[in-house]
């Protein structure tokens, strides 16, 4: 039987494997999300101005709720737009 080193692949065997998502707030120990920092909050908004879901960002439920509240407060104070065309 041939070992794994002897087998030649036509393509990379790692293609199709997805990278594990993680909550950046838990990883880096961020406790407070500031609604007065629109540059940071832009990471969680798509080009149309919609809030990105957890399955895309990888945030935990606790921090995703805090992000949503911070974005809504920032929108209310006109730091972030409610609707935007090609925001990024």
PDB file of N, CA and C in Angstrom:
ATOM      1  N   UNK A   1       0.845  -1.182   0.000  1.00  0.00           N
ATOM      2  CA  UNK A   1       0.000   0.000   0.000  1.00  0.00           C
ATOM      3  C   UNK A   1       0.893   1.248   0.000  1.00  0.00           C
ATOM      4  N   UNK A   2       0.543   2.207  -0.802  1.00  0.00           N
ATOM      5  CA  UNK A   2       1.325   3.442  -0.903  1.00  0.00           C
ATOM      6  C   UNK A   2       1.006   4.356   0.282  1.00  0.00           C
ATOM      7  N   UNK A   3       2.047   5.007   0.777  1.00  0.00           N
ATOM      8  CA  UNK A   3       1.834   5.959   1.867  1.00  0.00           C
ATOM      9  C   UNK A   3       1.335   7.284   1.294  1.00  0.00           C
ATOM     10  N   UNK A   4       0.930   8.170   2.175  1.00  0.00           N
ATOM     11  CA  UNK A   4       0.381   9.459   1.744  1.00  0.00           C
ATOM     12  C   UNK A   4       1.422  10.307   1.011  1.00  0.00           C
ATOM     13  N   UNK A   5       2.702  10.166   1.366  1.00  0.00           N
ATOM     14  CA  UNK A   5       3.753  10.930   0.706  1.00  0.00           C
ATOM     15  C   UNK A   5       3.980  10.477  -0.729  1.00  0.00           C
ATOM     16  N   UNK A   6       3.672   9.207  -1.003  1.00  0.00           N
ATOM     17  CA  UNK A   6       3.897   8.665  -2.341  1.00  0.00           C
ATOM     18  C   UNK A   6       2.804   9.055  -3.329  1.00  0.00           C
ATOM     19  N   UNK A   7       1.644   9.430  -2.818  1.00  0.00           N
ATOM     20  CA  UNK A   7       0.504   9.754  -3.690  1.00  0.00           C
ATOM     21  C   UNK A   7       0.675  11.163  -4.236  1.00  0.00           C
ATOM     22  N   UNK A   8       0.546  11.305  -5.535  1.00  0.00           N
ATOM     23  CA  UNK A   8       0.619  12.620  -6.182  1.00  0.00           C
ATOM     24  C   UNK A   8      -0.805  13.085  -6.481  1.00  0.00           C
ATOM     25  N   UNK A   9      -1.128  14.271  -6.018  1.00  0.00           N
ATOM     26  CA  UNK A   9      -2.460  14.816  -6.237  1.00  0.00           C
ATOM     27  C   UNK A   9      -2.444  15.722  -7.456  1.00  0.00           C
ATOM     28  N   UNK A  10      -3.529  15.696  -8.217  1.00  0.00           N
ATOM     29  CA  UNK A  10      -3.650  16.594  -9.360  1.00  0.00           C
ATOM     30  C   UNK A  10      -3.968  18.007  -8.898  1.00  0.00           C
ATOM     31  N   UNK A  11      -4.637  18.122  -7.785  1.00  0.00           N
ATOM     32  CA  UNK A  11      -4.954  19.443  -7.237  1.00  0.00           C
ATOM     33  C   UNK A  11      -4.642  19.427  -5.744  1.00  0.00           C
ATOM     34  N   UNK A  12      -4.699  20.567  -5.144  1.00  0.00           N
ATOM     35  CA  UNK A  12      -4.413  20.712  -3.722  1.00  0.00           C
ATOM     36  C   UNK A  12      -5.509  20.019  -2.909  1.00  0.00           C
ATOM     37  N   UNK A  13      -5.171  19.086  -2.015  1.00  0.00           N
ATOM     38  CA  UNK A  13      -6.207  18.403  -1.234  1.00  0.00           C
ATOM     39  C   UNK A  13      -6.882  19.300  -0.196  1.00  0.00           C
ATOM     40  N   UNK A  14      -6.322  20.476   0.068  1.00  0.00           N
ATOM     41  CA  UNK A  14      -6.916  21.390   1.056  1.00  0.00           C
ATOM     42  C   UNK A  14      -7.956  22.311   0.447  1.00  0.00           C
ATOM     43  N   UNK A  15      -8.178  22.224  -0.863  1.00  0.00           N
ATOM     44  CA  UNK A  15      -9.191  23.059  -1.505  1.00  0.00           C
ATOM     45  C   UNK A  15     -10.565  22.604  -1.031  1.00  0.00           C
ATOM     46  N   UNK A  16     -11.383  23.553  -0.657  1.00  0.00           N
ATOM     47  CA  UNK A  16     -12.725  23.238  -0.192  1.00  0.00           C
ATOM     48  C   UNK A  16     -12.828  23.196   1.314  1.00  0.00           C
ATOM     49  N   UNK A  17     -11.716  23.102   2.017  1.00  0.00           N
ATOM     50  CA  UNK A  17     -11.759  23.143   3.475  1.00  0.00           C
ATOM     51  C   UNK A  17     -11.903  24.591   3.907  1.00  0.00           C
ATOM     52  N   UNK A  18     -12.840  24.837   4.788  1.00  0.00           N
ATOM     53  CA  UNK A  18     -13.104  26.196   5.228  1.00  0.00           C
ATOM     54  C   UNK A  18     -12.341  26.503   6.507  1.00  0.00           C
ATOM     55  N   UNK A  19     -11.911  27.753   6.619  1.00  0.00           N
ATOM     56  CA  UNK A  19     -11.209  28.186   7.807  1.00  0.00           C
ATOM     57  C   UNK A  19     -12.214  28.355   8.946  1.00  0.00           C
ATOM     58  N   UNK A  20     -11.820  27.957  10.130  1.00  0.00           N
ATOM     59  CA  UNK A  20     -12.689  28.050  11.294  1.00  0.00           C
ATOM     60  C   UNK A  20     -12.955  29.504  11.644  1.00  0.00           C
ATOM     61  N   UNK A  21     -14.223  29.850  11.828  1.00  0.00           N
ATOM     62  CA  UNK A  21     -14.583  31.210  12.228  1.00  0.00           C
ATOM     63  C   UNK A  21     -14.448  31.336  13.738  1.00  0.00           C
ATOM     64  N   UNK A  22     -14.153  32.531  14.195  1.00  0.00           N
ATOM     65  CA  UNK A  22     -13.977  32.765  15.619  1.00  0.00           C
ATOM     66  C   UNK A  22     -14.542  34.126  15.966  1.00  0.00           C
ATOM     67  N   UNK A  23     -14.864  34.285  17.228  1.00  0.00           N
ATOM     68  CA  UNK A  23     -15.349  35.569  17.716  1.00  0.00           C
ATOM     69  C   UNK A  23     -14.137  36.420  18.085  1.00  0.00           C
ATOM     70  N   UNK A  24     -13.921  37.492  17.338  1.00  0.00           N
ATOM     71  CA  UNK A  24     -12.727  38.328  17.568  1.00  0.00           C
ATOM     72  C   UNK A  24     -12.787  39.035  18.919  1.00  0.00           C
ATOM     73  N   UNK A  25     -13.982  39.219  19.459  1.00  0.00           N
ATOM     74  CA  UNK A  25     -14.116  39.894  20.750  1.00  0.00           C
ATOM     75  C   UNK A  25     -13.645  38.989  21.886  1.00  0.00           C
ATOM     76  N   UNK A  26     -13.989  37.705  21.806  1.00  0.00           N
ATOM     77  CA  UNK A  26     -13.521  36.762  22.818  1.00  0.00           C
ATOM     78  C   UNK A  26     -12.028  36.510  22.672  1.00  0.00           C
ATOM     79  N   UNK A  27     -11.551  36.422  21.435  1.00  0.00           N
ATOM     80  CA  UNK A  27     -10.147  36.115  21.198  1.00  0.00           C
ATOM     81  C   UNK A  27      -9.227  37.221  21.704  1.00  0.00           C
ATOM     82  N   UNK A  28      -9.586  38.483  21.452  1.00  0.00           N
ATOM     83  CA  UNK A  28      -8.736  39.597  21.840  1.00  0.00           C
ATOM     84  C   UNK A  28      -9.148  40.239  23.161  1.00  0.00           C
ATOM     85  N   UNK A  29     -10.205  39.737  23.795  1.00  0.00           N
ATOM     86  CA  UNK A  29     -10.609  40.241  25.103  1.00  0.00           C
ATOM     87  C   UNK A  29     -11.264  41.611  25.065  1.00  0.00           C
ATOM     88  N   UNK A  30     -11.977  41.934  23.986  1.00  0.00           N
ATOM     89  CA  UNK A  30     -12.660  43.223  23.883  1.00  0.00           C
ATOM     90  C   UNK A  30     -13.964  43.137  24.670  1.00  0.00           C
ATOM     91  N   UNK A  31     -14.137  44.000  25.641  1.00  0.00           N
ATOM     92  CA  UNK A  31     -15.333  43.971  26.491  1.00  0.00           C
ATOM     93  C   UNK A  31     -16.374  45.005  26.062  1.00  0.00           C
ATOM     94  N   UNK A  32     -15.907  46.173  25.604  1.00  0.00           N
ATOM     95  CA  UNK A  32     -16.817  47.282  25.310  1.00  0.00           C
ATOM     96  C   UNK A  32     -16.758  47.622  23.825  1.00  0.00           C
ATOM     97  N   UNK A  33     -17.929  47.787  23.230  1.00  0.00           N
ATOM     98  CA  UNK A  33     -18.021  48.195  21.829  1.00  0.00           C
ATOM     99  C   UNK A  33     -18.529  49.630  21.813  1.00  0.00           C
ATOM    100  N   UNK A  34     -17.717  50.531  21.290  1.00  0.00           N
ATOM    101  CA  UNK A  34     -18.029  51.953  21.315  1.00  0.00           C
ATOM    102  C   UNK A  34     -18.829  52.351  20.078  1.00  0.00           C
ATOM    103  N   UNK A  35     -19.999  52.934  20.282  1.00  0.00           N
ATOM    104  CA  UNK A  35     -20.835  53.358  19.161  1.00  0.00           C
ATOM    105  C   UNK A  35     -20.299  54.634  18.516  1.00  0.00           C
ATOM    106  N   UNK A  36     -19.328  55.293  19.156  1.00  0.00           N
ATOM    107  CA  UNK A  36     -18.771  56.538  18.618  1.00  0.00           C
ATOM    108  C   UNK A  36     -17.562  56.292  17.715  1.00  0.00           C
ATOM    109  N   UNK A  37     -17.305  55.042  17.382  1.00  0.00           N
ATOM    110  CA  UNK A  37     -16.182  54.678  16.521  1.00  0.00           C
ATOM    111  C   UNK A  37     -16.712  54.081  15.214  1.00  0.00           C
ATOM    112  N   UNK A  38     -17.091  54.924  14.246  1.00  0.00           N
ATOM    113  CA  UNK A  38     -17.699  54.395  13.018  1.00  0.00           C
ATOM    114  C   UNK A  38     -16.741  53.588  12.149  1.00  0.00           C
ATOM    115  N   UNK A  39     -15.436  53.850  12.235  1.00  0.00           N
ATOM    116  CA  UNK A  39     -14.476  53.086  11.435  1.00  0.00           C
ATOM    117  C   UNK A  39     -14.453  51.618  11.845  1.00  0.00           C
ATOM    118  N   UNK A  40     -14.558  51.353  13.132  1.00  0.00           N
ATOM    119  CA  UNK A  40     -14.605  49.981  13.620  1.00  0.00           C
ATOM    120  C   UNK A  40     -15.929  49.318  13.248  1.00  0.00           C
ATOM    121  N   UNK A  41     -17.026  50.057  13.360  1.00  0.00           N
ATOM    122  CA  UNK A  41     -18.341  49.491  13.078  1.00  0.00           C
ATOM    123  C   UNK A  41     -18.551  49.208  11.584  1.00  0.00           C
ATOM    124  N   UNK A  42     -17.791  49.882  10.727  1.00  0.00           N
ATOM    125  CA  UNK A  42     -17.911  49.635   9.281  1.00  0.00           C
ATOM    126  C   UNK A  42     -17.512  48.222   8.894  1.00  0.00           C
ATOM    127  N   UNK A  43     -16.737  47.546   9.734  1.00  0.00           N
ATOM    128  CA  UNK A  43     -16.343  46.165   9.462  1.00  0.00           C
ATOM    129  C   UNK A  43     -17.535  45.219   9.509  1.00  0.00           C
ATOM    130  N   UNK A  44     -18.595  45.617  10.196  1.00  0.00           N
ATOM    131  CA  UNK A  44     -19.755  44.760  10.395  1.00  0.00           C
ATOM    132  C   UNK A  44     -20.949  45.190   9.554  1.00  0.00           C
ATOM    133  N   UNK A  45     -20.694  46.034   8.557  1.00  0.00           N
ATOM    134  CA  UNK A  45     -21.749  46.533   7.670  1.00  0.00           C
ATOM    135  C   UNK A  45     -21.338  46.223   6.234  1.00  0.00           C
ATOM    136  N   UNK A  46     -22.296  45.760   5.416  1.00  0.00           N
ATOM    137  CA  UNK A  46     -21.951  45.504   4.018  1.00  0.00           C
ATOM    138  C   UNK A  46     -22.046  46.785   3.198  1.00  0.00           C
ATOM    139  N   UNK A  47     -21.840  46.689   1.903  1.00  0.00           N
ATOM    140  CA  UNK A  47     -21.807  47.858   1.037  1.00  0.00           C
ATOM    141  C   UNK A  47     -23.120  48.620   0.967  1.00  0.00           C
ATOM    142  N   UNK A  48     -24.221  47.956   1.240  1.00  0.00           N
ATOM    143  CA  UNK A  48     -25.532  48.610   1.215  1.00  0.00           C
ATOM    144  C   UNK A  48     -25.891  49.258   2.540  1.00  0.00           C
ATOM    145  N   UNK A  49     -25.103  48.984   3.574  1.00  0.00           N
ATOM    146  CA  UNK A  49     -25.382  49.552   4.884  1.00  0.00           C
ATOM    147  C   UNK A  49     -26.111  48.601   5.814  1.00  0.00           C
ATOM    148  N   UNK A  50     -26.260  47.328   5.418  1.00  0.00           N
ATOM    149  CA  UNK A  50     -26.937  46.346   6.263  1.00  0.00           C
ATOM    150  C   UNK A  50     -25.947  45.718   7.239  1.00  0.00           C
ATOM    151  N   UNK A  51     -26.455  45.323   8.401  1.00  0.00           N
ATOM    152  CA  UNK A  51     -25.624  44.663   9.404  1.00  0.00           C
ATOM    153  C   UNK A  51     -25.364  43.231   8.959  1.00  0.00           C
ATOM    154  N   UNK A  52     -24.085  42.834   8.974  1.00  0.00           N
ATOM    155  CA  UNK A  52     -23.726  41.478   8.563  1.00  0.00           C
ATOM    156  C   UNK A  52     -24.148  40.470   9.625  1.00  0.00           C
ATOM    157  N   UNK A  53     -24.639  39.295   9.220  1.00  0.00           N
ATOM    158  CA  UNK A  53     -25.086  38.291  10.192  1.00  0.00           C
ATOM    159  C   UNK A  53     -23.924  37.566  10.858  1.00  0.00           C
ATOM    160  N   UNK A  54     -24.232  36.841  11.924  1.00  0.00           N
ATOM    161  CA  UNK A  54     -23.238  36.097  12.690  1.00  0.00           C
ATOM    162  C   UNK A  54     -22.561  35.025  11.858  1.00  0.00           C
ATOM    163  N   UNK A  55     -23.292  34.400  10.965  1.00  0.00           N
ATOM    164  CA  UNK A  55     -22.706  33.303  10.187  1.00  0.00           C
ATOM    165  C   UNK A  55     -21.612  33.791   9.254  1.00  0.00           C
ATOM    166  N   UNK A  56     -21.606  35.078   8.938  1.00  0.00           N
ATOM    167  CA  UNK A  56     -20.555  35.644   8.089  1.00  0.00           C
ATOM    168  C   UNK A  56     -19.415  36.211   8.943  1.00  0.00           C
ATOM    169  N   UNK A  57     -19.748  36.958  10.001  1.00  0.00           N
ATOM    170  CA  UNK A  57     -18.713  37.593  10.822  1.00  0.00           C
ATOM    171  C   UNK A  57     -18.071  36.620  11.795  1.00  0.00           C
ATOM    172  N   UNK A  58     -18.811  35.620  12.259  1.00  0.00           N
ATOM    173  CA  UNK A  58     -18.272  34.666  13.226  1.00  0.00           C
ATOM    174  C   UNK A  58     -18.387  35.129  14.660  1.00  0.00           C
ATOM    175  N   UNK A  59     -19.096  36.207  14.918  1.00  0.00           N
ATOM    176  CA  UNK A  59     -19.246  36.714  16.280  1.00  0.00           C
ATOM    177  C   UNK A  59     -20.154  35.804  17.095  1.00  0.00           C
ATOM    178  N   UNK A  60     -19.956  35.831  18.411  1.00  0.00           N
ATOM    179  CA  UNK A  60     -20.859  35.109  19.287  1.00  0.00           C
ATOM    180  C   UNK A  60     -22.155  35.917  19.424  1.00  0.00           C
ATOM    181  N   UNK A  61     -23.187  35.280  19.937  1.00  0.00           N
ATOM    182  CA  UNK A  61     -24.501  35.917  20.038  1.00  0.00           C
ATOM    183  C   UNK A  61     -24.447  37.164  20.921  1.00  0.00           C
ATOM    184  N   UNK A  62     -23.729  37.075  22.035  1.00  0.00           N
ATOM    185  CA  UNK A  62     -23.624  38.187  22.976  1.00  0.00           C
ATOM    186  C   UNK A  62     -23.034  39.426  22.301  1.00  0.00           C
ATOM    187  N   UNK A  63     -21.954  39.252  21.570  1.00  0.00           N
ATOM    188  CA  UNK A  63     -21.302  40.388  20.948  1.00  0.00           C
ATOM    189  C   UNK A  63     -22.001  40.841  19.679  1.00  0.00           C
ATOM    190  N   UNK A  64     -22.688  39.937  19.010  1.00  0.00           N
ATOM    191  CA  UNK A  64     -23.450  40.349  17.827  1.00  0.00           C
ATOM    192  C   UNK A  64     -24.587  41.284  18.234  1.00  0.00           C
ATOM    193  N   UNK A  65     -25.212  41.016  19.362  1.00  0.00           N
ATOM    194  CA  UNK A  65     -26.267  41.908  19.858  1.00  0.00           C
ATOM    195  C   UNK A  65     -25.698  43.271  20.237  1.00  0.00           C
ATOM    196  N   UNK A  66     -24.512  43.267  20.862  1.00  0.00           N
ATOM    197  CA  UNK A  66     -23.879  44.536  21.234  1.00  0.00           C
ATOM    198  C   UNK A  66     -23.479  45.331  19.992  1.00  0.00           C
ATOM    199  N   UNK A  67     -23.029  44.629  18.963  1.00  0.00           N
ATOM    200  CA  UNK A  67     -22.666  45.294  17.696  1.00  0.00           C
ATOM    201  C   UNK A  67     -23.904  45.934  17.072  1.00  0.00           C
ATOM    202  N   UNK A  68     -25.015  45.186  17.054  1.00  0.00           N
ATOM    203  CA  UNK A  68     -26.241  45.706  16.456  1.00  0.00           C
ATOM    204  C   UNK A  68     -26.722  46.953  17.187  1.00  0.00           C
ATOM    205  N   UNK A  69     -26.667  46.943  18.509  1.00  0.00           N
ATOM    206  CA  UNK A  69     -27.089  48.110  19.295  1.00  0.00           C
ATOM    207  C   UNK A  69     -26.166  49.291  19.013  1.00  0.00           C
ATOM    208  N   UNK A  70     -24.865  49.038  18.948  1.00  0.00           N
ATOM    209  CA  UNK A  70     -23.904  50.117  18.691  1.00  0.00           C
ATOM    210  C   UNK A  70     -24.100  50.718  17.303  1.00  0.00           C
ATOM    211  N   UNK A  71     -24.367  49.877  16.307  1.00  0.00           N
ATOM    212  CA  UNK A  71     -24.605  50.378  14.946  1.00  0.00           C
ATOM    213  C   UNK A  71     -25.875  51.207  14.901  1.00  0.00           C
ATOM    214  N   UNK A  72     -26.915  50.766  15.578  1.00  0.00           N
ATOM    215  CA  UNK A  72     -28.175  51.503  15.582  1.00  0.00           C
ATOM    216  C   UNK A  72     -28.036  52.849  16.301  1.00  0.00           C
ATOM    217  N   UNK A  73     -27.273  52.871  17.384  1.00  0.00           N
ATOM    218  CA  UNK A  73     -27.035  54.142  18.078  1.00  0.00           C
ATOM    219  C   UNK A  73     -26.216  55.089  17.213  1.00  0.00           C
ATOM    220  N   UNK A  74     -25.230  54.546  16.520  1.00  0.00           N
ATOM    221  CA  UNK A  74     -24.386  55.360  15.659  1.00  0.00           C
ATOM    222  C   UNK A  74     -25.183  55.916  14.474  1.00  0.00           C
ATOM    223  N   UNK A  75     -26.110  55.132  13.971  1.00  0.00           N
ATOM    224  CA  UNK A  75     -26.982  55.609  12.890  1.00  0.00           C
ATOM    225  C   UNK A  75     -27.886  56.727  13.391  1.00  0.00           C
ATOM    226  N   UNK A  76     -28.381  56.571  14.606  1.00  0.00           N
ATOM    227  CA  UNK A  76     -29.279  57.572  15.164  1.00  0.00           C
ATOM    228  C   UNK A  76     -28.584  58.925  15.321  1.00  0.00           C
ATOM    229  N   UNK A  77     -27.284  58.896  15.633  1.00  0.00           N
ATOM    230  CA  UNK A  77     -26.500  60.116  15.775  1.00  0.00           C
ATOM    231  C   UNK A  77     -25.867  60.572  14.463  1.00  0.00           C
ATOM    232  N   UNK A  78     -26.222  59.941  13.370  1.00  0.00           N
ATOM    233  CA  UNK A  78     -25.763  60.290  12.018  1.00  0.00           C
ATOM    234  C   UNK A  78     -24.261  60.098  11.832  1.00  0.00           C
ATOM    235  N   UNK A  79     -23.678  59.155  12.552  1.00  0.00           N
ATOM    236  CA  UNK A  79     -22.282  58.807  12.326  1.00  0.00           C
ATOM    237  C   UNK A  79     -22.159  57.745  11.242  1.00  0.00           C
ATOM    238  N   UNK A  80     -23.193  56.919  11.126  1.00  0.00           N
ATOM    239  CA  UNK A  80     -23.276  55.911  10.072  1.00  0.00           C
ATOM    240  C   UNK A  80     -24.572  56.129   9.298  1.00  0.00           C
ATOM    241  N   UNK A  81     -24.581  55.854   8.006  1.00  0.00           N
ATOM    242  CA  UNK A  81     -25.813  56.020   7.235  1.00  0.00           C
ATOM    243  C   UNK A  81     -26.771  54.842   7.450  1.00  0.00           C
ATOM    244  N   UNK A  82     -28.053  55.119   7.334  1.00  0.00           N
ATOM    245  CA  UNK A  82     -29.046  54.043   7.382  1.00  0.00           C
ATOM    246  C   UNK A  82     -28.989  53.243   6.091  1.00  0.00           C
ATOM    247  N   UNK A  83     -28.972  53.926   4.966  1.00  0.00           N
ATOM    248  CA  UNK A  83     -28.919  53.303   3.658  1.00  0.00           C
ATOM    249  C   UNK A  83     -27.787  53.941   2.881  1.00  0.00           C
ATOM    250  N   UNK A  84     -27.001  53.117   2.197  1.00  0.00           N
ATOM    251  CA  UNK A  84     -25.878  53.671   1.438  1.00  0.00           C
ATOM    252  C   UNK A  84     -25.701  52.872   0.167  1.00  0.00           C
ATOM    253  N   UNK A  85     -25.281  53.528  -0.895  1.00  0.00           N
ATOM    254  CA  UNK A  85     -24.928  52.851  -2.111  1.00  0.00           C
ATOM    255  C   UNK A  85     -23.415  52.749  -2.167  1.00  0.00           C
ATOM    256  N   UNK A  86     -22.914  51.542  -2.159  1.00  0.00           N
ATOM    257  CA  UNK A  86     -21.475  51.285  -2.220  1.00  0.00           C
ATOM    258  C   UNK A  86     -20.730  52.050  -1.126  1.00  0.00           C
ATOM    259  N   UNK A  87     -21.082  51.747   0.108  1.00  0.00           N
ATOM    260  CA  UNK A  87     -20.514  52.399   1.283  1.00  0.00           C
ATOM    261  C   UNK A  87     -19.012  52.190   1.387  1.00  0.00           C
ATOM    262  N   UNK A  88     -18.556  50.993   1.057  1.00  0.00           N
ATOM    263  CA  UNK A  88     -17.134  50.669   1.205  1.00  0.00           C
ATOM    264  C   UNK A  88     -16.382  50.899  -0.081  1.00  0.00           C
TER     265      UNK A  88
END
